[in-house]
Amino acid sequence: MTAVETLIDDFYVLQADLATRVLASADGADDPLAAWLESHAARLAPAEAIAVELRVATAPDLAMLVVAGRQLRQALG
């Protein structure tokens, strides 16, 4: 498996983990994602910073994506 394939797999795992956490904490919220993001804003701040960099980059490189995955994984605990 190449580094890119591994990174893609990691992002799929992170996405599934995030979705599970959001839905588990929904507690009848009208917008479960917004509620979860608000309650975890401080922990997500470093991941959001790299996400902003990725959005403005014309072509994010592998290193940026690896850092983003690591930041998100740390934010999720």
C-alpha atoms as a PDB file:
ATOM      1  CA  MET A   1       0.000   0.000   0.000  1.00  0.00           C
ATOM      2  CA  THR A   2       1.372   3.421  -0.923  1.00  0.00           C
ATOM      3  CA  ALA A   3       1.612   6.369   1.437  1.00  0.00           C
ATOM      4  CA  VAL A   4      -1.290   8.061  -0.331  1.00  0.00           C
ATOM      5  CA  GLU A   5      -3.495   4.977  -0.013  1.00  0.00           C
ATOM      6  CA  THR A   6      -2.630   4.698   3.666  1.00  0.00           C
ATOM      7  CA  LEU A   7      -3.487   8.350   4.188  1.00  0.00           C
ATOM      8  CA  ILE A   8      -6.824   7.933   2.422  1.00  0.00           C
ATOM      9  CA  ASP A   9      -7.626   4.922   4.608  1.00  0.00           C
ATOM     10  CA  ASP A  10      -6.691   6.934   7.709  1.00  0.00           C
ATOM     11  CA  PHE A  11      -9.031   9.743   6.692  1.00  0.00           C
ATOM     12  CA  TYR A  12     -11.878   7.276   6.154  1.00  0.00           C
ATOM     13  CA  VAL A  13     -11.293   5.878   9.656  1.00  0.00           C
ATOM     14  CA  LEU A  14     -11.220   9.393  11.110  1.00  0.00           C
ATOM     15  CA  GLN A  15     -14.420  10.286   9.269  1.00  0.00           C
ATOM     16  CA  ALA A  16     -16.186   7.188  10.612  1.00  0.00           C
ATOM     17  CA  ASP A  17     -14.940   7.889  14.138  1.00  0.00           C
ATOM     18  CA  LEU A  18     -16.093  11.501  13.950  1.00  0.00           C
ATOM     19  CA  ALA A  19     -19.535  10.512  12.642  1.00  0.00           C
ATOM     20  CA  THR A  20     -19.917   7.930  15.415  1.00  0.00           C
ATOM     21  CA  ARG A  21     -18.989  10.461  18.099  1.00  0.00           C
ATOM     22  CA  VAL A  22     -21.295  13.148  16.707  1.00  0.00           C
ATOM     23  CA  LEU A  23     -24.266  10.797  16.467  1.00  0.00           C
ATOM     24  CA  ALA A  24     -23.602   9.276  19.891  1.00  0.00           C
ATOM     25  CA  SER A  25     -23.720  12.704  21.503  1.00  0.00           C
ATOM     26  CA  ALA A  26     -26.674  14.052  19.486  1.00  0.00           C
ATOM     27  CA  ASP A  27     -29.139  13.994  22.417  1.00  0.00           C
ATOM     28  CA  GLY A  28     -31.951  15.201  20.179  1.00  0.00           C
ATOM     29  CA  ALA A  29     -30.096  18.280  18.939  1.00  0.00           C
ATOM     30  CA  ASP A  30     -31.525  19.888  15.807  1.00  0.00           C
ATOM     31  CA  ASP A  31     -28.023  20.004  14.329  1.00  0.00           C
ATOM     32  CA  PRO A  32     -25.894  17.328  16.021  1.00  0.00           C
ATOM     33  CA  LEU A  33     -22.743  18.305  14.151  1.00  0.00           C
ATOM     34  CA  ALA A  34     -22.981  21.976  15.114  1.00  0.00           C
ATOM     35  CA  ALA A  35     -23.642  21.025  18.743  1.00  0.00           C
ATOM     36  CA  TRP A  36     -20.676  18.650  18.797  1.00  0.00           C
ATOM     37  CA  LEU A  37     -18.365  21.174  17.144  1.00  0.00           C
ATOM     38  CA  GLU A  38     -19.376  23.854  19.633  1.00  0.00           C
ATOM     39  CA  SER A  39     -18.753  21.590  22.622  1.00  0.00           C
ATOM     40  CA  HIS A  40     -15.345  20.526  21.279  1.00  0.00           C
ATOM     41  CA  ALA A  41     -14.172  23.848  19.802  1.00  0.00           C
ATOM     42  CA  ALA A  42     -11.106  24.190  22.016  1.00  0.00           C
ATOM     43  CA  ARG A  43      -9.869  20.681  21.236  1.00  0.00           C
ATOM     44  CA  LEU A  44     -10.492  21.178  17.512  1.00  0.00           C
ATOM     45  CA  ALA A  45      -8.696  24.532  17.231  1.00  0.00           C
ATOM     46  CA  PRO A  46      -5.324  23.090  16.101  1.00  0.00           C
ATOM     47  CA  ALA A  47      -7.046  20.883  13.512  1.00  0.00           C
ATOM     48  CA  GLU A  48      -9.088  23.851  12.297  1.00  0.00           C
ATOM     49  CA  ALA A  49      -5.906  25.882  11.824  1.00  0.00           C
ATOM     50  CA  ILE A  50      -4.414  23.281   9.495  1.00  0.00           C
ATOM     51  CA  ALA A  51      -7.781  22.907   7.733  1.00  0.00           C
ATOM     52  CA  VAL A  52      -7.684  26.625   6.929  1.00  0.00           C
ATOM     53  CA  GLU A  53      -4.197  26.209   5.473  1.00  0.00           C
ATOM     54  CA  LEU A  54      -5.397  23.284   3.358  1.00  0.00           C
ATOM     55  CA  ARG A  55      -8.340  25.297   2.022  1.00  0.00           C
ATOM     56  CA  VAL A  56      -6.126  28.130   0.804  1.00  0.00           C
ATOM     57  CA  ALA A  57      -3.375  25.915  -0.615  1.00  0.00           C
ATOM     58  CA  THR A  58      -3.659  25.492  -4.355  1.00  0.00           C
ATOM     59  CA  ALA A  59      -2.307  21.952  -4.137  1.00  0.00           C
ATOM     60  CA  PRO A  60      -1.832  20.590  -0.604  1.00  0.00           C
ATOM     61  CA  ASP A  61       1.111  18.235  -0.358  1.00  0.00           C
ATOM     62  CA  LEU A  62       1.333  14.902   1.400  1.00  0.00           C
ATOM     63  CA  ALA A  63       3.057  16.389   4.442  1.00  0.00           C
ATOM     64  CA  MET A  64       0.238  18.886   4.994  1.00  0.00           C
ATOM     65  CA  LEU A  65      -2.337  16.105   4.773  1.00  0.00           C
ATOM     66  CA  VAL A  66      -0.400  13.937   7.218  1.00  0.00           C
ATOM     67  CA  VAL A  67      -0.243  16.812   9.698  1.00  0.00           C
ATOM     68  CA  ALA A  68      -3.964  17.437   9.255  1.00  0.00           C
ATOM     69  CA  GLY A  69      -4.750  13.803   9.969  1.00  0.00           C
ATOM     70  CA  ARG A  70      -2.527  13.813  13.034  1.00  0.00           C
ATOM     71  CA  GLN A  71      -4.128  17.017  14.354  1.00  0.00           C
ATOM     72  CA  LEU A  72      -7.616  15.622  13.876  1.00  0.00           C
ATOM     73  CA  ARG A  73      -6.686  12.327  15.504  1.00  0.00           C
ATOM     74  CA  GLN A  74      -5.291  14.229  18.509  1.00  0.00           C
ATOM     75  CA  ALA A  75      -8.431  16.365  18.691  1.00  0.00           C
ATOM     76  CA  LEU A  76     -10.603  13.267  18.757  1.00  0.00           C
ATOM     77  CA  GLY A  77      -8.487  11.791  21.526  1.00  0.00           C
END
